[in-house]
Amino acid sequence: MSVVLSPDVQRLIEERLRSGSYESADHLILEALESLRGRDDGLEAHKGAWREELDRRYKDAAAGEVEWVAGDDAARRLAERHRASRSRLS
């Protein structure tokens, strides 16, 4: 495979190689791709959890088990929760 790299990408690769952490450009690129795979797998896991949570909430809404709140009131409540959580962390 032949790849054309921009000068900026070439510079980044050369900087990383000079750091001594990688034995070759192939090693650096392999590590980068494995890191991306891990990130992507993590994102997929989060997407699945979000889908499950949304499905649960839609079912709750369809069953009438949801308290509907006007937009302004919802924004106020969220801001209050945010302030409260930040004050607990301080």
PDB file of N, CA and C in Angstrom:
ATOM      1  N   MET A   1       0.847  -1.166   0.000  1.00  0.00           N
ATOM      2  CA  MET A   1       0.000   0.000   0.000  1.00  0.00           C
ATOM      3  C   MET A   1       0.897   1.234   0.000  1.00  0.00           C
ATOM      4  N   SER A   2       0.501   2.183  -0.790  1.00  0.00           N
ATOM      5  CA  SER A   2       1.237   3.435  -0.841  1.00  0.00           C
ATOM      6  C   SER A   2       0.327   4.540  -0.315  1.00  0.00           C
ATOM      7  N   VAL A   3       0.871   5.376   0.556  1.00  0.00           N
ATOM      8  CA  VAL A   3       0.077   6.433   1.179  1.00  0.00           C
ATOM      9  C   VAL A   3       0.818   7.752   1.003  1.00  0.00           C
ATOM     10  N   VAL A   4       0.080   8.777   0.620  1.00  0.00           N
ATOM     11  CA  VAL A   4       0.659  10.111   0.515  1.00  0.00           C
ATOM     12  C   VAL A   4       0.231  10.889   1.755  1.00  0.00           C
ATOM     13  N   LEU A   5       1.208  11.410   2.483  1.00  0.00           N
ATOM     14  CA  LEU A   5       0.942  12.145   3.718  1.00  0.00           C
ATOM     15  C   LEU A   5       1.221  13.622   3.513  1.00  0.00           C
ATOM     16  N   SER A   6       0.406  14.428   4.145  1.00  0.00           N
ATOM     17  CA  SER A   6       0.644  15.867   4.090  1.00  0.00           C
ATOM     18  C   SER A   6       1.916  16.182   4.881  1.00  0.00           C
ATOM     19  N   PRO A   7       2.526  17.327   4.597  1.00  0.00           N
ATOM     20  CA  PRO A   7       3.728  17.704   5.359  1.00  0.00           C
ATOM     21  C   PRO A   7       3.458  17.780   6.863  1.00  0.00           C
ATOM     22  N   ASP A   8       2.267  18.234   7.262  1.00  0.00           N
ATOM     23  CA  ASP A   8       1.947  18.311   8.696  1.00  0.00           C
ATOM     24  C   ASP A   8       1.924  16.925   9.337  1.00  0.00           C
ATOM     25  N   VAL A   9       1.330  15.955   8.651  1.00  0.00           N
ATOM     26  CA  VAL A   9       1.273  14.590   9.190  1.00  0.00           C
ATOM     27  C   VAL A   9       2.674  13.989   9.228  1.00  0.00           C
ATOM     28  N   GLN A  10       3.445  14.230   8.195  1.00  0.00           N
ATOM     29  CA  GLN A  10       4.830  13.737   8.180  1.00  0.00           C
ATOM     30  C   GLN A  10       5.609  14.308   9.357  1.00  0.00           C
ATOM     31  N   ARG A  11       5.432  15.598   9.628  1.00  0.00           N
ATOM     32  CA  ARG A  11       6.128  16.242  10.728  1.00  0.00           C
ATOM     33  C   ARG A  11       5.724  15.608  12.057  1.00  0.00           C
ATOM     34  N   LEU A  12       4.412  15.359  12.233  1.00  0.00           N
ATOM     35  CA  LEU A  12       3.937  14.741  13.479  1.00  0.00           C
ATOM     36  C   LEU A  12       4.535  13.353  13.675  1.00  0.00           C
ATOM     37  N   ILE A  13       4.575  12.578  12.605  1.00  0.00           N
ATOM     38  CA  ILE A  13       5.146  11.234  12.690  1.00  0.00           C
ATOM     39  C   ILE A  13       6.627  11.321  13.052  1.00  0.00           C
ATOM     40  N   GLU A  14       7.336  12.205  12.401  1.00  0.00           N
ATOM     41  CA  GLU A  14       8.765  12.348  12.678  1.00  0.00           C
ATOM     42  C   GLU A  14       9.012  12.787  14.116  1.00  0.00           C
ATOM     43  N   GLU A  15       8.195  13.696  14.624  1.00  0.00           N
ATOM     44  CA  GLU A  15       8.328  14.133  16.025  1.00  0.00           C
ATOM     45  C   GLU A  15       8.136  12.966  16.980  1.00  0.00           C
ATOM     46  N   ARG A  16       7.106  12.158  16.718  1.00  0.00           N
ATOM     47  CA  ARG A  16       6.829  11.013  17.596  1.00  0.00           C
ATOM     48  C   ARG A  16       7.959   9.991  17.519  1.00  0.00           C
ATOM     49  N   LEU A  17       8.505   9.781  16.323  1.00  0.00           N
ATOM     50  CA  LEU A  17       9.602   8.833  16.182  1.00  0.00           C
ATOM     51  C   LEU A  17      10.835   9.327  16.933  1.00  0.00           C
ATOM     52  N   ARG A  18      11.098  10.628  16.896  1.00  0.00           N
ATOM     53  CA  ARG A  18      12.250  11.186  17.613  1.00  0.00           C
ATOM     54  C   ARG A  18      12.097  11.055  19.127  1.00  0.00           C
ATOM     55  N   SER A  19      10.841  10.960  19.588  1.00  0.00           N
ATOM     56  CA  SER A  19      10.621  10.829  21.034  1.00  0.00           C
ATOM     57  C   SER A  19      11.170   9.505  21.564  1.00  0.00           C
ATOM     58  N   GLY A  20      11.361   8.539  20.664  1.00  0.00           N
ATOM     59  CA  GLY A  20      11.895   7.248  21.073  1.00  0.00           C
ATOM     60  C   GLY A  20      10.855   6.250  21.547  1.00  0.00           C
ATOM     61  N   SER A  21       9.598   6.646  21.543  1.00  0.00           N
ATOM     62  CA  SER A  21       8.540   5.755  22.020  1.00  0.00           C
ATOM     63  C   SER A  21       8.143   4.694  20.992  1.00  0.00           C
ATOM     64  N   TYR A  22       8.534   4.903  19.754  1.00  0.00           N
ATOM     65  CA  TYR A  22       8.144   3.994  18.676  1.00  0.00           C
ATOM     66  C   TYR A  22       9.384   3.595  17.902  1.00  0.00           C
ATOM     67  N   GLU A  23       9.445   2.318  17.526  1.00  0.00           N
ATOM     68  CA  GLU A  23      10.631   1.830  16.821  1.00  0.00           C
ATOM     69  C   GLU A  23      10.602   2.121  15.329  1.00  0.00           C
ATOM     70  N   SER A  24       9.398   2.384  14.787  1.00  0.00           N
ATOM     71  CA  SER A  24       9.277   2.673  13.358  1.00  0.00           C
ATOM     72  C   SER A  24       7.952   3.385  13.098  1.00  0.00           C
ATOM     73  N   ALA A  25       7.837   3.929  11.889  1.00  0.00           N
ATOM     74  CA  ALA A  25       6.576   4.563  11.502  1.00  0.00           C
ATOM     75  C   ALA A  25       5.455   3.522  11.494  1.00  0.00           C
ATOM     76  N   ASP A  26       5.761   2.295  11.059  1.00  0.00           N
ATOM     77  CA  ASP A  26       4.754   1.233  11.072  1.00  0.00           C
ATOM     78  C   ASP A  26       4.242   0.984  12.492  1.00  0.00           C
ATOM     79  N   HIS A  27       5.172   0.928  13.447  1.00  0.00           N
ATOM     80  CA  HIS A  27       4.802   0.693  14.841  1.00  0.00           C
ATOM     81  C   HIS A  27       3.916   1.835  15.351  1.00  0.00           C
ATOM     82  N   LEU A  28       4.303   3.067  15.048  1.00  0.00           N
ATOM     83  CA  LEU A  28       3.525   4.230  15.470  1.00  0.00           C
ATOM     84  C   LEU A  28       2.115   4.181  14.887  1.00  0.00           C
ATOM     85  N   ILE A  29       2.009   3.898  13.599  1.00  0.00           N
ATOM     86  CA  ILE A  29       0.698   3.873  12.934  1.00  0.00           C
ATOM     87  C   ILE A  29      -0.147   2.727  13.470  1.00  0.00           C
ATOM     88  N   LEU A  30       0.470   1.567  13.719  1.00  0.00           N
ATOM     89  CA  LEU A  30      -0.272   0.445  14.299  1.00  0.00           C
ATOM     90  C   LEU A  30      -0.835   0.820  15.665  1.00  0.00           C
ATOM     91  N   GLU A  31      -0.006   1.441  16.504  1.00  0.00           N
ATOM     92  CA  GLU A  31      -0.468   1.877  17.824  1.00  0.00           C
ATOM     93  C   GLU A  31      -1.620   2.880  17.700  1.00  0.00           C
ATOM     94  N   ALA A  32      -1.478   3.814  16.766  1.00  0.00           N
ATOM     95  CA  ALA A  32      -2.527   4.819  16.565  1.00  0.00           C
ATOM     96  C   ALA A  32      -3.828   4.162  16.125  1.00  0.00           C
ATOM     97  N   LEU A  33      -3.737   3.220  15.206  1.00  0.00           N
ATOM     98  CA  LEU A  33      -4.948   2.545  14.727  1.00  0.00           C
ATOM     99  C   LEU A  33      -5.588   1.701  15.825  1.00  0.00           C
ATOM    100  N   GLU A  34      -4.777   1.045  16.644  1.00  0.00           N
ATOM    101  CA  GLU A  34      -5.336   0.272  17.752  1.00  0.00           C
ATOM    102  C   GLU A  34      -6.015   1.189  18.767  1.00  0.00           C
ATOM    103  N   SER A  35      -5.430   2.347  18.980  1.00  0.00           N
ATOM    104  CA  SER A  35      -6.041   3.325  19.881  1.00  0.00           C
ATOM    105  C   SER A  35      -7.381   3.804  19.326  1.00  0.00           C
ATOM    106  N   LEU A  36      -7.422   4.062  18.035  1.00  0.00           N
ATOM    107  CA  LEU A  36      -8.685   4.468  17.401  1.00  0.00           C
ATOM    108  C   LEU A  36      -9.743   3.367  17.506  1.00  0.00           C
ATOM    109  N   ARG A  37      -9.314   2.124  17.331  1.00  0.00           N
ATOM    110  CA  ARG A  37     -10.258   1.014  17.450  1.00  0.00           C
ATOM    111  C   ARG A  37     -10.848   0.970  18.859  1.00  0.00           C
ATOM    112  N   GLY A  38      -9.990   1.148  19.862  1.00  0.00           N
ATOM    113  CA  GLY A  38     -10.473   1.167  21.241  1.00  0.00           C
ATOM    114  C   GLY A  38     -11.447   2.301  21.478  1.00  0.00           C
ATOM    115  N   ARG A  39     -11.136   3.476  20.958  1.00  0.00           N
ATOM    116  CA  ARG A  39     -12.035   4.624  21.099  1.00  0.00           C
ATOM    117  C   ARG A  39     -13.365   4.350  20.412  1.00  0.00           C
ATOM    118  N   ASP A  40     -13.293   3.818  19.185  1.00  0.00           N
ATOM    119  CA  ASP A  40     -14.518   3.528  18.443  1.00  0.00           C
ATOM    120  C   ASP A  40     -15.363   2.475  19.146  1.00  0.00           C
ATOM    121  N   ASP A  41     -14.709   1.446  19.696  1.00  0.00           N
ATOM    122  CA  ASP A  41     -15.450   0.419  20.433  1.00  0.00           C
ATOM    123  C   ASP A  41     -16.142   1.030  21.647  1.00  0.00           C
ATOM    124  N   GLY A  42     -15.442   1.929  22.335  1.00  0.00           N
ATOM    125  CA  GLY A  42     -16.039   2.603  23.483  1.00  0.00           C
ATOM    126  C   GLY A  42     -17.232   3.447  23.078  1.00  0.00           C
ATOM    127  N   LEU A  43     -17.111   4.144  21.944  1.00  0.00           N
ATOM    128  CA  LEU A  43     -18.232   4.951  21.453  1.00  0.00           C
ATOM    129  C   LEU A  43     -19.425   4.076  21.113  1.00  0.00           C
ATOM    130  N   GLU A  44     -19.168   2.943  20.499  1.00  0.00           N
ATOM    131  CA  GLU A  44     -20.260   2.025  20.155  1.00  0.00           C
ATOM    132  C   GLU A  44     -20.961   1.526  21.406  1.00  0.00           C
ATOM    133  N   ALA A  45     -20.182   1.234  22.452  1.00  0.00           N
ATOM    134  CA  ALA A  45     -20.778   0.774  23.711  1.00  0.00           C
ATOM    135  C   ALA A  45     -21.663   1.870  24.295  1.00  0.00           C
ATOM    136  N   HIS A  46     -21.189   3.116  24.246  1.00  0.00           N
ATOM    137  CA  HIS A  46     -21.984   4.228  24.760  1.00  0.00           C
ATOM    138  C   HIS A  46     -23.253   4.419  23.940  1.00  0.00           C
ATOM    139  N   LYS A  47     -23.134   4.275  22.616  1.00  0.00           N
ATOM    140  CA  LYS A  47     -24.321   4.409  21.765  1.00  0.00           C
ATOM    141  C   LYS A  47     -25.361   3.362  22.138  1.00  0.00           C
ATOM    142  N   GLY A  48     -24.901   2.139  22.374  1.00  0.00           N
ATOM    143  CA  GLY A  48     -25.826   1.074  22.754  1.00  0.00           C
ATOM    144  C   GLY A  48     -26.524   1.388  24.059  1.00  0.00           C
ATOM    145  N   ALA A  49     -25.780   1.889  25.040  1.00  0.00           N
ATOM    146  CA  ALA A  49     -26.379   2.244  26.328  1.00  0.00           C
ATOM    147  C   ALA A  49     -27.382   3.377  26.156  1.00  0.00           C
ATOM    148  N   TRP A  50     -27.036   4.370  25.327  1.00  0.00           N
ATOM    149  CA  TRP A  50     -27.968   5.479  25.081  1.00  0.00           C
ATOM    150  C   TRP A  50     -29.237   4.979  24.410  1.00  0.00           C
ATOM    151  N   ARG A  51     -29.099   4.082  23.433  1.00  0.00           N
ATOM    152  CA  ARG A  51     -30.280   3.530  22.745  1.00  0.00           C
ATOM    153  C   ARG A  51     -31.184   2.800  23.731  1.00  0.00           C
ATOM    154  N   GLU A  52     -30.582   2.003  24.602  1.00  0.00           N
ATOM    155  CA  GLU A  52     -31.362   1.275  25.604  1.00  0.00           C
ATOM    156  C   GLU A  52     -32.103   2.242  26.523  1.00  0.00           C
ATOM    157  N   GLU A  53     -31.407   3.284  26.956  1.00  0.00           N
ATOM    158  CA  GLU A  53     -32.026   4.274  27.839  1.00  0.00           C
ATOM    159  C   GLU A  53     -33.153   5.020  27.126  1.00  0.00           C
ATOM    160  N   LEU A  54     -32.936   5.389  25.868  1.00  0.00           N
ATOM    161  CA  LEU A  54     -33.991   6.074  25.109  1.00  0.00           C
ATOM    162  C   LEU A  54     -35.200   5.162  24.910  1.00  0.00           C
ATOM    163  N   ASP A  55     -34.948   3.901  24.586  1.00  0.00           N
ATOM    164  CA  ASP A  55     -36.050   2.944  24.429  1.00  0.00           C
ATOM    165  C   ASP A  55     -36.855   2.841  25.720  1.00  0.00           C
ATOM    166  N   ARG A  56     -36.144   2.751  26.849  1.00  0.00           N
ATOM    167  CA  ARG A  56     -36.832   2.655  28.129  1.00  0.00           C
ATOM    168  C   ARG A  56     -37.677   3.900  28.380  1.00  0.00           C
ATOM    169  N   ARG A  57     -37.119   5.050  28.091  1.00  0.00           N
ATOM    170  CA  ARG A  57     -37.856   6.292  28.331  1.00  0.00           C
ATOM    171  C   ARG A  57     -39.051   6.440  27.397  1.00  0.00           C
ATOM    172  N   TYR A  58     -38.904   6.025  26.144  1.00  0.00           N
ATOM    173  CA  TYR A  58     -40.046   6.058  25.226  1.00  0.00           C
ATOM    174  C   TYR A  58     -41.159   5.143  25.716  1.00  0.00           C
ATOM    175  N   LYS A  59     -40.782   3.976  26.207  1.00  0.00           N
ATOM    176  CA  LYS A  59     -41.789   3.054  26.744  1.00  0.00           C
ATOM    177  C   LYS A  59     -42.480   3.647  27.961  1.00  0.00           C
ATOM    178  N   ASP A  60     -41.696   4.284  28.844  1.00  0.00           N
ATOM    179  CA  ASP A  60     -42.279   4.950  30.009  1.00  0.00           C
ATOM    180  C   ASP A  60     -43.248   6.046  29.573  1.00  0.00           C
ATOM    181  N   ALA A  61     -42.867   6.807  28.555  1.00  0.00           N
ATOM    182  CA  ALA A  61     -43.733   7.883  28.069  1.00  0.00           C
ATOM    183  C   ALA A  61     -45.024   7.313  27.485  1.00  0.00           C
ATOM    184  N   ALA A  62     -44.895   6.233  26.710  1.00  0.00           N
ATOM    185  CA  ALA A  62     -46.073   5.624  26.108  1.00  0.00           C
ATOM    186  C   ALA A  62     -47.011   5.056  27.169  1.00  0.00           C
ATOM    187  N   ALA A  63     -46.442   4.623  28.299  1.00  0.00           N
ATOM    188  CA  ALA A  63     -47.243   4.061  29.386  1.00  0.00           C
ATOM    189  C   ALA A  63     -47.789   5.145  30.313  1.00  0.00           C
ATOM    190  N   GLY A  64     -47.478   6.407  30.019  1.00  0.00           N
ATOM    191  CA  GLY A  64     -47.966   7.500  30.852  1.00  0.00           C
ATOM    192  C   GLY A  64     -47.205   7.659  32.148  1.00  0.00           C
ATOM    193  N   GLU A  65     -46.010   7.117  32.208  1.00  0.00           N
ATOM    194  CA  GLU A  65     -45.216   7.156  33.437  1.00  0.00           C
ATOM    195  C   GLU A  65     -44.185   8.280  33.428  1.00  0.00           C
ATOM    196  N   VAL A  66     -44.448   9.314  32.644  1.00  0.00           N
ATOM    197  CA  VAL A  66     -43.501  10.422  32.517  1.00  0.00           C
ATOM    198  C   VAL A  66     -44.192  11.714  32.913  1.00  0.00           C
ATOM    199  N   GLU A  67     -43.472  12.537  33.651  1.00  0.00           N
ATOM    200  CA  GLU A  67     -43.981  13.852  33.995  1.00  0.00           C
ATOM    201  C   GLU A  67     -43.542  14.803  32.892  1.00  0.00           C
ATOM    202  N   TRP A  68     -44.511  15.347  32.159  1.00  0.00           N
ATOM    203  CA  TRP A  68     -44.175  16.278  31.084  1.00  0.00           C
ATOM    204  C   TRP A  68     -43.988  17.655  31.674  1.00  0.00           C
ATOM    205  N   VAL A  69     -42.939  18.325  31.250  1.00  0.00           N
ATOM    206  CA  VAL A  69     -42.579  19.624  31.797  1.00  0.00           C
ATOM    207  C   VAL A  69     -42.384  20.591  30.632  1.00  0.00           C
ATOM    208  N   ALA A  70     -42.892  21.816  30.791  1.00  0.00           N
ATOM    209  CA  ALA A  70     -42.712  22.842  29.766  1.00  0.00           C
ATOM    210  C   ALA A  70     -41.222  23.139  29.604  1.00  0.00           C
ATOM    211  N   GLY A  71     -40.818  23.554  28.416  1.00  0.00           N
ATOM    212  CA  GLY A  71     -39.411  23.793  28.101  1.00  0.00           C
ATOM    213  C   GLY A  71     -38.718  24.735  29.065  1.00  0.00           C
ATOM    214  N   ASP A  72     -39.344  25.880  29.378  1.00  0.00           N
ATOM    215  CA  ASP A  72     -38.705  26.845  30.290  1.00  0.00           C
ATOM    216  C   ASP A  72     -38.509  26.241  31.674  1.00  0.00           C
ATOM    217  N   ASP A  73     -39.514  25.498  32.134  1.00  0.00           N
ATOM    218  CA  ASP A  73     -39.420  24.875  33.450  1.00  0.00           C
ATOM    219  C   ASP A  73     -38.351  23.783  33.461  1.00  0.00           C
ATOM    220  N   ALA A  74     -38.277  23.034  32.360  1.00  0.00           N
ATOM    221  CA  ALA A  74     -37.252  21.984  32.260  1.00  0.00           C
ATOM    222  C   ALA A  74     -35.861  22.598  32.300  1.00  0.00           C
ATOM    223  N   ALA A  75     -35.658  23.701  31.575  1.00  0.00           N
ATOM    224  CA  ALA A  75     -34.352  24.365  31.566  1.00  0.00           C
ATOM    225  C   ALA A  75     -34.004  24.870  32.967  1.00  0.00           C
ATOM    226  N   ARG A  76     -34.974  25.420  33.667  1.00  0.00           N
ATOM    227  CA  ARG A  76     -34.736  25.915  35.028  1.00  0.00           C
ATOM    228  C   ARG A  76     -34.345  24.766  35.946  1.00  0.00           C
ATOM    229  N   ARG A  77     -35.088  23.640  35.853  1.00  0.00           N
ATOM    230  CA  ARG A  77     -34.786  22.485  36.698  1.00  0.00           C
ATOM    231  C   ARG A  77     -33.382  21.937  36.425  1.00  0.00           C
ATOM    232  N   LEU A  78     -33.023  21.861  35.147  1.00  0.00           N
ATOM    233  CA  LEU A  78     -31.696  21.359  34.798  1.00  0.00           C
ATOM    234  C   LEU A  78     -30.603  22.280  35.330  1.00  0.00           C
ATOM    235  N   ALA A  79     -30.827  23.586  35.220  1.00  0.00           N
ATOM    236  CA  ALA A  79     -29.845  24.539  35.739  1.00  0.00           C
ATOM    237  C   ALA A  79     -29.695  24.384  37.250  1.00  0.00           C
ATOM    238  N   GLU A  80     -30.804  24.175  37.942  1.00  0.00           N
ATOM    239  CA  GLU A  80     -30.745  23.982  39.398  1.00  0.00           C
ATOM    240  C   GLU A  80     -29.982  22.707  39.748  1.00  0.00           C
ATOM    241  N   ARG A  81     -30.251  21.635  39.017  1.00  0.00           N
ATOM    242  CA  ARG A  81     -29.531  20.380  39.263  1.00  0.00           C
ATOM    243  C   ARG A  81     -28.037  20.560  39.018  1.00  0.00           C
ATOM    244  N   HIS A  82     -27.719  21.271  37.954  1.00  0.00           N
ATOM    245  CA  HIS A  82     -26.320  21.505  37.615  1.00  0.00           C
ATOM    246  C   HIS A  82     -25.629  22.287  38.732  1.00  0.00           C
ATOM    247  N   ARG A  83     -26.261  23.360  39.189  1.00  0.00           N
ATOM    248  CA  ARG A  83     -25.684  24.161  40.287  1.00  0.00           C
ATOM    249  C   ARG A  83     -25.503  23.304  41.534  1.00  0.00           C
ATOM    250  N   ALA A  84     -26.503  22.493  41.849  1.00  0.00           N
ATOM    251  CA  ALA A  84     -26.426  21.656  43.043  1.00  0.00           C
ATOM    252  C   ALA A  84     -25.289  20.642  42.933  1.00  0.00           C
ATOM    253  N   SER A  85     -25.129  20.029  41.775  1.00  0.00           N
ATOM    254  CA  SER A  85     -24.070  19.034  41.618  1.00  0.00           C
ATOM    255  C   SER A  85     -22.703  19.696  41.666  1.00  0.00           C
ATOM    256  N   ARG A  86     -22.567  20.884  41.119  1.00  0.00           N
ATOM    257  CA  ARG A  86     -21.283  21.589  41.157  1.00  0.00           C
ATOM    258  C   ARG A  86     -20.952  22.030  42.581  1.00  0.00           C
ATOM    259  N   SER A  87     -21.954  22.417  43.344  1.00  0.00           N
ATOM    260  CA  SER A  87     -21.683  22.835  44.728  1.00  0.00           C
ATOM    261  C   SER A  87     -21.283  21.639  45.593  1.00  0.00           C
ATOM    262  N   ARG A  88     -21.794  20.435  45.273  1.00  0.00           N
ATOM    263  CA  ARG A  88     -21.389  19.235  46.009  1.00  0.00           C
ATOM    264  C   ARG A  88     -19.938  18.882  45.714  1.00  0.00           C
ATOM    265  N   LEU A  89     -19.477  19.201  44.505  1.00  0.00           N
ATOM    266  CA  LEU A  89     -18.091  18.889  44.122  1.00  0.00           C
ATOM    267  C   LEU A  89     -17.102  19.877  44.702  1.00  0.00           C
ATOM    268  N   SER A  90     -17.568  21.056  45.083  1.00  0.00           N
ATOM    269  CA  SER A  90     -16.653  22.089  45.603  1.00  0.00           C
ATOM    270  C   SER A  90     -16.273  21.836  47.036  1.00  0.00           C
TER     271      SER A  90
END
